[in-house]
Amino acid sequence: MTPPPETEARNHDASARAPLPIREIAVFIATAYALAWAVHLPLLLSGNGPDDPSYGLAATVYMFTPGVAAVAVTLLVWRPRRFARALGFTPLRPLRRVGGYSLLAFVLMPLLGLAATLAAALVGAVRLDLVDFSGLRTVLPDLVPDLAATMPATGFPWAAFLAALGLAILMSVPTLVLAFGEEVGWRGYLLPRLLPMGVWPALLASGVVWGLWHSPQLFIQYTHGGFDAGQVALFLAFCVVAGVIMGWLRLASGSVWPAVIAHGANNALNTVGFLTLAAADADTNSLLYPGGLGGLVGLAVLAVTAAVLALTGRIRASAPRG
């Protein structure tokens, strides 16, 4: 199902014409950042890193801090007449529009991840194996050990692959819940409130805020050898450019749900390109292509996608629908 093209010109609504609510936005950002650091405070004080058993819990709770901040500021500071509409939970109609963009969001990020893998192969960063799919065979035993044991010696292991795909889609459900905790804040609340700046400044600024909100995680990873300075910079750039695409889904659909789905699909499924790699390259960790959309190649794919959206008029100077 393909969403209908945006051919009609849309006027700015009241939120886009209103003055920029600087104080309200500042309270939201300060609250989201303070909560993010507070969640990681025990780890920071102890000096422990990602290997600590509490790290996973902290990382999970922390993903809800933008949503908590958005709900608090919306109820206590902004106080709109329609809370659910203000954060993009509603309207869900027309169903064709919201559903179409939601479906697009679900497939777009994995497809971009696959495109990044193919582009990485073109520049020589990785090698593909489209005959025996040896890279796929190296990861399937960890995902579906029973079926992996019965894989044919050559060709595409369809049974094991479909089982692993079903497992990945099933596991994307909790990922969507976590993505919801973030997207309520970034694309549900913040992006529309920044629209008096103009759509492009709002998209870019919200991406910067989103990226810097990851500072506690990046600090812990950096100080414990998980990330180097280049990886930190790439991650921040990823947030800005990916934020343009997720923000477009929010604005074009008038709903936060496509952005939630895109975020969740990116976290759960954007490494689908690994299925095409040769076994020797299935554990790549370079700045050029660390897998998915996180490296320089992935960043270029995202930038080209954002440019296409801009050049085709998909990103317009307009407020969210609804």
C-alpha atoms as a PDB file:
ATOM      1  CA  MET A   1       0.000   0.000   0.000  1.00  0.00           C
ATOM      2  CA  THR A   2       1.489   3.310  -1.074  1.00  0.00           C
ATOM      3  CA  PRO A   3       0.416   6.547   0.581  1.00  0.00           C
ATOM      4  CA  PRO A   4      -1.231   9.059  -1.742  1.00  0.00           C
ATOM      5  CA  PRO A   5       1.177  11.741  -2.988  1.00  0.00           C
ATOM      6  CA  GLU A   6       1.045  15.097  -1.266  1.00  0.00           C
ATOM      7  CA  THR A   7      -0.121  17.177  -4.190  1.00  0.00           C
ATOM      8  CA  GLU A   8      -2.222  19.741  -2.375  1.00  0.00           C
ATOM      9  CA  ALA A   9      -0.713  22.879  -0.884  1.00  0.00           C
ATOM     10  CA  ARG A  10      -1.414  23.086   2.829  1.00  0.00           C
ATOM     11  CA  ASN A  11      -1.653  26.256   4.875  1.00  0.00           C
ATOM     12  CA  HIS A  12       0.111  26.728   8.160  1.00  0.00           C
ATOM     13  CA  ASP A  13      -2.214  26.010  11.052  1.00  0.00           C
ATOM     14  CA  ALA A  14      -2.264  27.973  14.275  1.00  0.00           C
ATOM     15  CA  SER A  15       0.723  26.131  15.740  1.00  0.00           C
ATOM     16  CA  ALA A  16       2.939  27.093  12.809  1.00  0.00           C
ATOM     17  CA  ARG A  17       1.796  30.755  12.866  1.00  0.00           C
ATOM     18  CA  ALA A  18       2.126  31.162  16.631  1.00  0.00           C
ATOM     19  CA  PRO A  19       5.265  32.531  18.293  1.00  0.00           C
ATOM     20  CA  LEU A  20       7.910  29.993  19.190  1.00  0.00           C
ATOM     21  CA  PRO A  21       7.147  28.809  22.766  1.00  0.00           C
ATOM     22  CA  ILE A  22      10.762  29.113  23.901  1.00  0.00           C
ATOM     23  CA  ARG A  23      10.136  28.772  27.640  1.00  0.00           C
ATOM     24  CA  GLU A  24       7.942  25.722  27.199  1.00  0.00           C
ATOM     25  CA  ILE A  25      10.422  24.038  24.862  1.00  0.00           C
ATOM     26  CA  ALA A  26      13.288  24.813  27.246  1.00  0.00           C
ATOM     27  CA  VAL A  27      11.388  23.219  30.127  1.00  0.00           C
ATOM     28  CA  PHE A  28      10.745  20.121  28.023  1.00  0.00           C
ATOM     29  CA  ILE A  29      14.374  19.741  26.924  1.00  0.00           C
ATOM     30  CA  ALA A  30      15.704  20.366  30.430  1.00  0.00           C
ATOM     31  CA  THR A  31      13.276  17.814  31.883  1.00  0.00           C
ATOM     32  CA  ALA A  32      14.057  15.146  29.285  1.00  0.00           C
ATOM     33  CA  TYR A  33      17.811  15.623  29.683  1.00  0.00           C
ATOM     34  CA  ALA A  34      17.676  15.733  33.492  1.00  0.00           C
ATOM     35  CA  LEU A  35      15.656  12.516  33.617  1.00  0.00           C
ATOM     36  CA  ALA A  36      18.041  10.833  31.175  1.00  0.00           C
ATOM     37  CA  TRP A  37      21.071  11.665  33.315  1.00  0.00           C
ATOM     38  CA  ALA A  38      19.236  10.789  36.541  1.00  0.00           C
ATOM     39  CA  VAL A  39      18.431   7.302  35.249  1.00  0.00           C
ATOM     40  CA  HIS A  40      22.136   6.714  34.581  1.00  0.00           C
ATOM     41  CA  LEU A  41      23.351   8.327  37.808  1.00  0.00           C
ATOM     42  CA  PRO A  42      23.964   5.048  39.712  1.00  0.00           C
ATOM     43  CA  LEU A  43      26.095   3.757  36.838  1.00  0.00           C
ATOM     44  CA  LEU A  44      27.979   7.035  36.565  1.00  0.00           C
ATOM     45  CA  LEU A  45      28.678   7.193  40.300  1.00  0.00           C
ATOM     46  CA  SER A  46      29.816   3.575  40.441  1.00  0.00           C
ATOM     47  CA  GLY A  47      31.993   3.898  37.369  1.00  0.00           C
ATOM     48  CA  ASN A  48      30.445   0.761  35.911  1.00  0.00           C
ATOM     49  CA  GLY A  49      29.797   0.357  32.205  1.00  0.00           C
ATOM     50  CA  PRO A  50      27.712  -1.635  29.725  1.00  0.00           C
ATOM     51  CA  ASP A  51      28.725  -4.932  31.338  1.00  0.00           C
ATOM     52  CA  ASP A  52      26.991  -4.001  34.581  1.00  0.00           C
ATOM     53  CA  PRO A  53      23.683  -5.895  35.074  1.00  0.00           C
ATOM     54  CA  SER A  54      21.860  -2.622  35.749  1.00  0.00           C
ATOM     55  CA  TYR A  55      22.905  -1.093  32.428  1.00  0.00           C
ATOM     56  CA  GLY A  56      20.134  -2.774  30.437  1.00  0.00           C
ATOM     57  CA  LEU A  57      17.483  -1.639  32.907  1.00  0.00           C
ATOM     58  CA  ALA A  58      18.793   1.919  32.873  1.00  0.00           C
ATOM     59  CA  ALA A  59      18.857   1.949  29.065  1.00  0.00           C
ATOM     60  CA  THR A  60      15.259   0.722  28.960  1.00  0.00           C
ATOM     61  CA  VAL A  61      13.860   3.182  31.501  1.00  0.00           C
ATOM     62  CA  TYR A  62      15.789   6.019  29.907  1.00  0.00           C
ATOM     63  CA  MET A  63      13.984   5.565  26.586  1.00  0.00           C
ATOM     64  CA  PHE A  64      10.751   6.674  28.231  1.00  0.00           C
ATOM     65  CA  THR A  65      12.172   9.935  29.578  1.00  0.00           C
ATOM     66  CA  PRO A  66      11.298  12.071  26.501  1.00  0.00           C
ATOM     67  CA  GLY A  67       7.713  10.801  26.635  1.00  0.00           C
ATOM     68  CA  VAL A  68       7.436  11.481  30.357  1.00  0.00           C
ATOM     69  CA  ALA A  69       8.819  14.988  29.833  1.00  0.00           C
ATOM     70  CA  ALA A  70       6.420  15.617  26.941  1.00  0.00           C
ATOM     71  CA  VAL A  71       3.364  14.485  28.893  1.00  0.00           C
ATOM     72  CA  ALA A  72       4.384  16.541  31.936  1.00  0.00           C
ATOM     73  CA  VAL A  73       5.026  19.737  29.967  1.00  0.00           C
ATOM     74  CA  THR A  74       1.883  19.285  27.877  1.00  0.00           C
ATOM     75  CA  LEU A  75      -0.323  18.861  30.950  1.00  0.00           C
ATOM     76  CA  LEU A  76       1.350  21.382  33.253  1.00  0.00           C
ATOM     77  CA  VAL A  77       2.706  24.109  30.955  1.00  0.00           C
ATOM     78  CA  TRP A  78       1.144  23.969  27.487  1.00  0.00           C
ATOM     79  CA  ARG A  79      -2.348  22.753  28.521  1.00  0.00           C
ATOM     80  CA  PRO A  80      -3.906  22.321  25.065  1.00  0.00           C
ATOM     81  CA  ARG A  81      -7.618  21.628  24.793  1.00  0.00           C
ATOM     82  CA  ARG A  82      -7.059  18.257  23.121  1.00  0.00           C
ATOM     83  CA  PHE A  83      -4.181  16.401  24.755  1.00  0.00           C
ATOM     84  CA  ALA A  84      -4.154  13.339  22.474  1.00  0.00           C
ATOM     85  CA  ARG A  85      -4.231  15.443  19.315  1.00  0.00           C
ATOM     86  CA  ALA A  86      -1.530  17.756  20.635  1.00  0.00           C
ATOM     87  CA  LEU A  87       0.935  14.864  20.926  1.00  0.00           C
ATOM     88  CA  GLY A  88      -0.104  13.210  17.664  1.00  0.00           C
ATOM     89  CA  PHE A  89      -1.926  10.212  19.159  1.00  0.00           C
ATOM     90  CA  THR A  90      -5.034  11.250  17.253  1.00  0.00           C
ATOM     91  CA  PRO A  91      -6.643  11.602  14.781  1.00  0.00           C
ATOM     92  CA  LEU A  92      -6.283   8.165  13.249  1.00  0.00           C
ATOM     93  CA  ARG A  93      -8.400   9.116  10.256  1.00  0.00           C
ATOM     94  CA  PRO A  94      -8.342   9.115   7.359  1.00  0.00           C
ATOM     95  CA  LEU A  95      -7.161   5.565   7.937  1.00  0.00           C
ATOM     96  CA  ARG A  96      -5.701   5.341   4.448  1.00  0.00           C
ATOM     97  CA  ARG A  97      -3.302   8.182   5.170  1.00  0.00           C
ATOM     98  CA  VAL A  98      -2.206   7.161   8.666  1.00  0.00           C
ATOM     99  CA  GLY A  99      -2.153   3.456   7.796  1.00  0.00           C
ATOM    100  CA  GLY A 100      -0.313   4.067   4.537  1.00  0.00           C
ATOM    101  CA  TYR A 101       2.438   6.083   6.165  1.00  0.00           C
ATOM    102  CA  SER A 102       2.650   3.545   9.000  1.00  0.00           C
ATOM    103  CA  LEU A 103       3.186   0.727   6.504  1.00  0.00           C
ATOM    104  CA  LEU A 104       5.729   2.826   4.648  1.00  0.00           C
ATOM    105  CA  ALA A 105       7.526   3.500   7.932  1.00  0.00           C
ATOM    106  CA  PHE A 106       7.703  -0.215   8.731  1.00  0.00           C
ATOM    107  CA  VAL A 107       9.373  -1.154   5.447  1.00  0.00           C
ATOM    108  CA  LEU A 108      11.370   2.017   4.785  1.00  0.00           C
ATOM    109  CA  MET A 109      14.060   1.712   7.450  1.00  0.00           C
ATOM    110  CA  PRO A 110      14.877  -1.974   6.722  1.00  0.00           C
ATOM    111  CA  LEU A 111      15.005  -1.161   3.003  1.00  0.00           C
ATOM    112  CA  LEU A 112      17.365   1.734   3.670  1.00  0.00           C
ATOM    113  CA  GLY A 113      19.486  -0.611   5.774  1.00  0.00           C
ATOM    114  CA  LEU A 114      19.628  -3.035   2.843  1.00  0.00           C
ATOM    115  CA  ALA A 115      20.510  -0.165   0.508  1.00  0.00           C
ATOM    116  CA  ALA A 116      23.356   0.801   2.845  1.00  0.00           C
ATOM    117  CA  THR A 117      24.707  -2.754   2.697  1.00  0.00           C
ATOM    118  CA  LEU A 118      24.626  -2.791  -1.099  1.00  0.00           C
ATOM    119  CA  ALA A 119      26.275   0.642  -1.215  1.00  0.00           C
ATOM    120  CA  ALA A 120      28.965  -0.570   1.201  1.00  0.00           C
ATOM    121  CA  ALA A 121      29.654  -3.469  -1.147  1.00  0.00           C
ATOM    122  CA  LEU A 122      29.944  -1.079  -4.094  1.00  0.00           C
ATOM    123  CA  VAL A 123      32.649   0.939  -2.328  1.00  0.00           C
ATOM    124  CA  GLY A 124      34.482  -2.202  -1.226  1.00  0.00           C
ATOM    125  CA  ALA A 125      33.712  -2.006   2.491  1.00  0.00           C
ATOM    126  CA  VAL A 126      32.102  -5.467   2.550  1.00  0.00           C
ATOM    127  CA  ARG A 127      31.626  -8.444   0.253  1.00  0.00           C
ATOM    128  CA  LEU A 128      28.301  -9.968  -0.681  1.00  0.00           C
ATOM    129  CA  ASP A 129      27.484 -13.654  -0.951  1.00  0.00           C
ATOM    130  CA  LEU A 130      24.308 -14.006  -2.982  1.00  0.00           C
ATOM    131  CA  VAL A 131      24.948 -17.658  -3.850  1.00  0.00           C
ATOM    132  CA  ASP A 132      25.340 -19.555  -0.587  1.00  0.00           C
ATOM    133  CA  PHE A 133      24.478 -16.662   1.792  1.00  0.00           C
ATOM    134  CA  SER A 134      27.311 -17.632   4.101  1.00  0.00           C
ATOM    135  CA  GLY A 135      26.856 -14.552   6.288  1.00  0.00           C
ATOM    136  CA  LEU A 136      23.243 -15.482   6.923  1.00  0.00           C
ATOM    137  CA  ARG A 137      24.340 -18.991   7.806  1.00  0.00           C
ATOM    138  CA  THR A 138      26.686 -17.658  10.480  1.00  0.00           C
ATOM    139  CA  VAL A 139      23.914 -15.843  12.378  1.00  0.00           C
ATOM    140  CA  LEU A 140      21.000 -18.270  11.965  1.00  0.00           C
ATOM    141  CA  PRO A 141      22.321 -20.867  14.447  1.00  0.00           C
ATOM    142  CA  ASP A 142      22.099 -18.262  17.215  1.00  0.00           C
ATOM    143  CA  LEU A 143      18.548 -17.286  16.237  1.00  0.00           C
ATOM    144  CA  VAL A 144      16.885 -20.581  15.320  1.00  0.00           C
ATOM    145  CA  PRO A 145      19.276 -23.383  16.341  1.00  0.00           C
ATOM    146  CA  ASP A 146      16.843 -26.239  15.654  1.00  0.00           C
ATOM    147  CA  LEU A 147      16.091 -25.183  12.089  1.00  0.00           C
ATOM    148  CA  ALA A 148      19.645 -24.053  11.430  1.00  0.00           C
ATOM    149  CA  ALA A 149      20.819 -27.619  11.957  1.00  0.00           C
ATOM    150  CA  THR A 150      18.697 -28.729   8.993  1.00  0.00           C
ATOM    151  CA  MET A 151      19.821 -26.016   6.570  1.00  0.00           C
ATOM    152  CA  PRO A 152      20.756 -27.207   3.076  1.00  0.00           C
ATOM    153  CA  ALA A 153      24.450 -27.109   2.284  1.00  0.00           C
ATOM    154  CA  THR A 154      24.000 -24.602  -0.542  1.00  0.00           C
ATOM    155  CA  GLY A 155      21.477 -22.044  -1.671  1.00  0.00           C
ATOM    156  CA  PHE A 156      19.169 -19.878   0.377  1.00  0.00           C
ATOM    157  CA  PRO A 157      18.015 -21.479   3.683  1.00  0.00           C
ATOM    158  CA  TRP A 158      14.379 -20.470   3.368  1.00  0.00           C
ATOM    159  CA  ALA A 159      12.920 -22.342   6.351  1.00  0.00           C
ATOM    160  CA  ALA A 160      15.473 -21.056   8.832  1.00  0.00           C
ATOM    161  CA  PHE A 161      15.335 -17.575   7.334  1.00  0.00           C
ATOM    162  CA  LEU A 162      11.543 -17.298   7.560  1.00  0.00           C
ATOM    163  CA  ALA A 163      11.618 -18.539  11.146  1.00  0.00           C
ATOM    164  CA  ALA A 164      14.284 -15.975  12.029  1.00  0.00           C
ATOM    165  CA  LEU A 165      12.340 -13.235  10.234  1.00  0.00           C
ATOM    166  CA  GLY A 166       9.203 -14.102  12.176  1.00  0.00           C
ATOM    167  CA  LEU A 167      11.205 -13.995  15.396  1.00  0.00           C
ATOM    168  CA  ALA A 168      12.660 -10.604  14.469  1.00  0.00           C
ATOM    169  CA  ILE A 169       9.205  -9.177  13.706  1.00  0.00           C
ATOM    170  CA  LEU A 170       7.901 -10.572  16.987  1.00  0.00           C
ATOM    171  CA  MET A 171      10.812  -9.035  18.859  1.00  0.00           C
ATOM    172  CA  SER A 172      10.098  -5.690  17.187  1.00  0.00           C
ATOM    173  CA  VAL A 173       6.932  -5.355  19.296  1.00  0.00           C
ATOM    174  CA  PRO A 174       8.791  -4.492  22.534  1.00  0.00           C
ATOM    175  CA  THR A 175      11.094  -2.334  20.424  1.00  0.00           C
ATOM    176  CA  LEU A 176       8.044  -0.370  19.269  1.00  0.00           C
ATOM    177  CA  VAL A 177       7.042   0.176  22.891  1.00  0.00           C
ATOM    178  CA  LEU A 178      10.468   1.628  23.653  1.00  0.00           C
ATOM    179  CA  ALA A 179      10.404   3.718  20.477  1.00  0.00           C
ATOM    180  CA  PHE A 180       7.025   5.079  21.563  1.00  0.00           C
ATOM    181  CA  GLY A 181       8.635   6.374  24.760  1.00  0.00           C
ATOM    182  CA  GLU A 182      11.046   8.426  22.682  1.00  0.00           C
ATOM    183  CA  GLU A 183       8.841   9.495  19.801  1.00  0.00           C
ATOM    184  CA  VAL A 184       6.125  10.961  22.011  1.00  0.00           C
ATOM    185  CA  GLY A 185       8.775  13.452  23.035  1.00  0.00           C
ATOM    186  CA  TRP A 186      10.750  14.115  19.870  1.00  0.00           C
ATOM    187  CA  ARG A 187       8.230  13.904  17.043  1.00  0.00           C
ATOM    188  CA  GLY A 188       4.996  13.909  19.049  1.00  0.00           C
ATOM    189  CA  TYR A 189       5.705  17.013  21.119  1.00  0.00           C
ATOM    190  CA  LEU A 190       8.931  18.799  20.169  1.00  0.00           C
ATOM    191  CA  LEU A 191       8.788  18.889  16.370  1.00  0.00           C
ATOM    192  CA  PRO A 192       5.341  20.545  16.126  1.00  0.00           C
ATOM    193  CA  ARG A 193       6.293  23.076  18.825  1.00  0.00           C
ATOM    194  CA  LEU A 194       9.366  24.063  16.811  1.00  0.00           C
ATOM    195  CA  LEU A 195       7.409  24.637  13.587  1.00  0.00           C
ATOM    196  CA  PRO A 196       7.202  28.440  13.973  1.00  0.00           C
ATOM    197  CA  MET A 197      10.920  28.323  13.043  1.00  0.00           C
ATOM    198  CA  GLY A 198       9.976  26.748   9.700  1.00  0.00           C
ATOM    199  CA  VAL A 199       9.813  23.082   8.788  1.00  0.00           C
ATOM    200  CA  TRP A 200      13.476  22.548   7.892  1.00  0.00           C
ATOM    201  CA  PRO A 201      14.859  24.343  10.968  1.00  0.00           C
ATOM    202  CA  ALA A 202      12.369  22.419  13.113  1.00  0.00           C
ATOM    203  CA  LEU A 203      13.356  19.078  11.603  1.00  0.00           C
ATOM    204  CA  LEU A 204      17.068  19.729  12.034  1.00  0.00           C
ATOM    205  CA  ALA A 205      16.793  21.236  15.516  1.00  0.00           C
ATOM    206  CA  SER A 206      14.664  18.369  16.806  1.00  0.00           C
ATOM    207  CA  GLY A 207      17.240  15.928  15.429  1.00  0.00           C
ATOM    208  CA  VAL A 208      20.053  17.747  17.238  1.00  0.00           C
ATOM    209  CA  VAL A 209      18.105  17.677  20.511  1.00  0.00           C
ATOM    210  CA  TRP A 210      17.386  13.975  19.997  1.00  0.00           C
ATOM    211  CA  GLY A 211      21.037  13.209  19.340  1.00  0.00           C
ATOM    212  CA  LEU A 212      22.376  15.124  22.349  1.00  0.00           C
ATOM    213  CA  TRP A 213      19.809  13.475  24.615  1.00  0.00           C
ATOM    214  CA  HIS A 214      21.839  10.283  24.098  1.00  0.00           C
ATOM    215  CA  SER A 215      24.777  11.915  25.920  1.00  0.00           C
ATOM    216  CA  PRO A 216      24.611   9.682  29.046  1.00  0.00           C
ATOM    217  CA  GLN A 217      24.718   6.532  26.928  1.00  0.00           C
ATOM    218  CA  LEU A 218      27.415   7.912  24.652  1.00  0.00           C
ATOM    219  CA  PHE A 219      29.497   9.001  27.646  1.00  0.00           C
ATOM    220  CA  ILE A 220      29.315   5.561  29.240  1.00  0.00           C
ATOM    221  CA  GLN A 221      30.109   3.834  25.952  1.00  0.00           C
ATOM    222  CA  TYR A 222      32.985   6.218  25.222  1.00  0.00           C
ATOM    223  CA  THR A 223      34.582   5.941  28.670  1.00  0.00           C
ATOM    224  CA  HIS A 224      34.382   2.143  28.624  1.00  0.00           C
ATOM    225  CA  GLY A 225      35.775   1.625  25.136  1.00  0.00           C
ATOM    226  CA  GLY A 226      32.473   0.935  23.402  1.00  0.00           C
ATOM    227  CA  PHE A 227      32.594   4.008  21.152  1.00  0.00           C
ATOM    228  CA  ASP A 228      35.438   6.181  19.951  1.00  0.00           C
ATOM    229  CA  ALA A 229      35.111   9.860  19.059  1.00  0.00           C
ATOM    230  CA  GLY A 230      34.366   9.092  15.419  1.00  0.00           C
ATOM    231  CA  GLN A 231      31.529   6.736  16.315  1.00  0.00           C
ATOM    232  CA  VAL A 232      30.040   9.324  18.670  1.00  0.00           C
ATOM    233  CA  ALA A 233      30.108  11.957  15.921  1.00  0.00           C
ATOM    234  CA  LEU A 234      28.557   9.547  13.422  1.00  0.00           C
ATOM    235  CA  PHE A 235      25.791   8.652  15.834  1.00  0.00           C
ATOM    236  CA  LEU A 236      24.916  12.304  16.414  1.00  0.00           C
ATOM    237  CA  ALA A 237      24.872  12.918  12.656  1.00  0.00           C
ATOM    238  CA  PHE A 238      22.650   9.860  12.219  1.00  0.00           C
ATOM    239  CA  CYS A 239      20.116  11.307  14.666  1.00  0.00           C
ATOM    240  CA  VAL A 240      19.929  14.578  12.753  1.00  0.00           C
ATOM    241  CA  VAL A 241      19.491  13.016   9.302  1.00  0.00           C
ATOM    242  CA  ALA A 242      17.253  10.131  10.406  1.00  0.00           C
ATOM    243  CA  GLY A 243      15.260  12.694  12.372  1.00  0.00           C
ATOM    244  CA  VAL A 244      14.440  14.459   9.106  1.00  0.00           C
ATOM    245  CA  ILE A 245      12.912  11.271   7.694  1.00  0.00           C
ATOM    246  CA  MET A 246      11.015  10.367  10.865  1.00  0.00           C
ATOM    247  CA  GLY A 247       9.901  13.974  11.203  1.00  0.00           C
ATOM    248  CA  TRP A 248       8.614  13.945   7.631  1.00  0.00           C
ATOM    249  CA  LEU A 249       6.536  10.866   8.458  1.00  0.00           C
ATOM    250  CA  ARG A 250       5.089  12.738  11.434  1.00  0.00           C
ATOM    251  CA  LEU A 251       4.253  15.867   9.463  1.00  0.00           C
ATOM    252  CA  ALA A 252       2.972  14.123   6.344  1.00  0.00           C
ATOM    253  CA  SER A 253       0.690  11.769   8.257  1.00  0.00           C
ATOM    254  CA  GLY A 254      -0.400  14.181  10.977  1.00  0.00           C
ATOM    255  CA  SER A 255       0.246  11.374  13.451  1.00  0.00           C
ATOM    256  CA  VAL A 256       3.076  10.278  15.720  1.00  0.00           C
ATOM    257  CA  TRP A 257       2.465   6.576  14.974  1.00  0.00           C
ATOM    258  CA  PRO A 258       4.405   6.349  11.674  1.00  0.00           C
ATOM    259  CA  ALA A 259       7.412   7.922  13.415  1.00  0.00           C
ATOM    260  CA  VAL A 260       7.090   5.398  16.249  1.00  0.00           C
ATOM    261  CA  ILE A 261       6.987   2.537  13.757  1.00  0.00           C
ATOM    262  CA  ALA A 262       9.949   3.877  11.765  1.00  0.00           C
ATOM    263  CA  HIS A 263      12.001   4.250  14.940  1.00  0.00           C
ATOM    264  CA  GLY A 264      11.114   0.757  16.131  1.00  0.00           C
ATOM    265  CA  ALA A 265      11.751  -0.801  12.721  1.00  0.00           C
ATOM    266  CA  ASN A 266      15.108   0.937  12.536  1.00  0.00           C
ATOM    267  CA  ASN A 267      16.147  -0.437  15.922  1.00  0.00           C
ATOM    268  CA  ALA A 268      14.905  -3.968  15.231  1.00  0.00           C
ATOM    269  CA  LEU A 269      15.242  -4.583  11.503  1.00  0.00           C
ATOM    270  CA  ASN A 270      17.688  -2.191   9.838  1.00  0.00           C
ATOM    271  CA  THR A 271      20.489  -4.780   9.899  1.00  0.00           C
ATOM    272  CA  VAL A 272      18.607  -6.897   7.355  1.00  0.00           C
ATOM    273  CA  GLY A 273      21.467  -6.220   4.950  1.00  0.00           C
ATOM    274  CA  PHE A 274      23.645  -8.613   6.951  1.00  0.00           C
ATOM    275  CA  LEU A 275      21.699 -11.413   5.281  1.00  0.00           C
ATOM    276  CA  THR A 276      23.541 -10.719   2.033  1.00  0.00           C
ATOM    277  CA  LEU A 277      27.085 -10.536   3.404  1.00  0.00           C
ATOM    278  CA  ALA A 278      29.854 -13.059   3.020  1.00  0.00           C
ATOM    279  CA  ALA A 279      30.622 -14.890   6.258  1.00  0.00           C
ATOM    280  CA  ALA A 280      33.967 -13.149   6.752  1.00  0.00           C
ATOM    281  CA  ASP A 281      32.240  -9.742   6.742  1.00  0.00           C
ATOM    282  CA  ALA A 282      29.249 -10.630   8.911  1.00  0.00           C
ATOM    283  CA  ASP A 283      30.894  -9.075  11.981  1.00  0.00           C
ATOM    284  CA  THR A 284      32.017  -5.780  10.497  1.00  0.00           C
ATOM    285  CA  ASN A 285      32.676  -2.822  12.800  1.00  0.00           C
ATOM    286  CA  SER A 286      34.162  -0.027  10.705  1.00  0.00           C
ATOM    287  CA  LEU A 287      33.213   3.636  10.574  1.00  0.00           C
ATOM    288  CA  LEU A 288      32.412   3.166   6.904  1.00  0.00           C
ATOM    289  CA  TYR A 289      29.895   0.393   7.500  1.00  0.00           C
ATOM    290  CA  PRO A 290      29.344  -0.940  11.041  1.00  0.00           C
ATOM    291  CA  GLY A 291      26.038  -2.453   9.928  1.00  0.00           C
ATOM    292  CA  GLY A 292      22.608  -1.002   9.332  1.00  0.00           C
ATOM    293  CA  LEU A 293      22.521   2.770   8.930  1.00  0.00           C
ATOM    294  CA  GLY A 294      25.062   3.768  11.544  1.00  0.00           C
ATOM    295  CA  GLY A 295      28.226   4.320   9.475  1.00  0.00           C
ATOM    296  CA  LEU A 296      29.300   6.771   6.811  1.00  0.00           C
ATOM    297  CA  VAL A 297      27.621   4.742   4.084  1.00  0.00           C
ATOM    298  CA  GLY A 298      24.358   4.547   6.024  1.00  0.00           C
ATOM    299  CA  LEU A 299      24.522   8.265   6.710  1.00  0.00           C
ATOM    300  CA  ALA A 300      24.931   8.915   2.986  1.00  0.00           C
ATOM    301  CA  VAL A 301      21.903   6.713   2.205  1.00  0.00           C
ATOM    302  CA  LEU A 302      19.809   8.632   4.738  1.00  0.00           C
ATOM    303  CA  ALA A 303      21.020  11.969   3.364  1.00  0.00           C
ATOM    304  CA  VAL A 304      20.129  10.978  -0.199  1.00  0.00           C
ATOM    305  CA  THR A 305      16.681   9.876   0.992  1.00  0.00           C
ATOM    306  CA  ALA A 306      16.130  13.196   2.763  1.00  0.00           C
ATOM    307  CA  ALA A 307      17.301  15.055  -0.342  1.00  0.00           C
ATOM    308  CA  VAL A 308      14.857  13.115  -2.527  1.00  0.00           C
ATOM    309  CA  LEU A 309      12.023  13.971  -0.139  1.00  0.00           C
ATOM    310  CA  ALA A 310      12.997  17.625  -0.316  1.00  0.00           C
ATOM    311  CA  LEU A 311      13.490  17.801  -4.083  1.00  0.00           C
ATOM    312  CA  THR A 312      10.176  16.065  -4.776  1.00  0.00           C
ATOM    313  CA  GLY A 313       8.309  18.493  -2.530  1.00  0.00           C
ATOM    314  CA  ARG A 314       7.474  15.937   0.131  1.00  0.00           C
ATOM    315  CA  ILE A 315       8.939  18.095   2.860  1.00  0.00           C
ATOM    316  CA  ARG A 316       6.985  21.326   2.837  1.00  0.00           C
ATOM    317  CA  ALA A 317       6.722  24.427   4.945  1.00  0.00           C
ATOM    318  CA  SER A 318       3.546  23.248   6.623  1.00  0.00           C
ATOM    319  CA  ALA A 319       2.396  22.213  10.052  1.00  0.00           C
ATOM    320  CA  PRO A 320       1.145  18.714  10.871  1.00  0.00           C
ATOM    321  CA  ARG A 321      -2.219  17.717   9.516  1.00  0.00           C
ATOM    322  CA  GLY A 322      -5.143  17.602  11.822  1.00  0.00           C
END
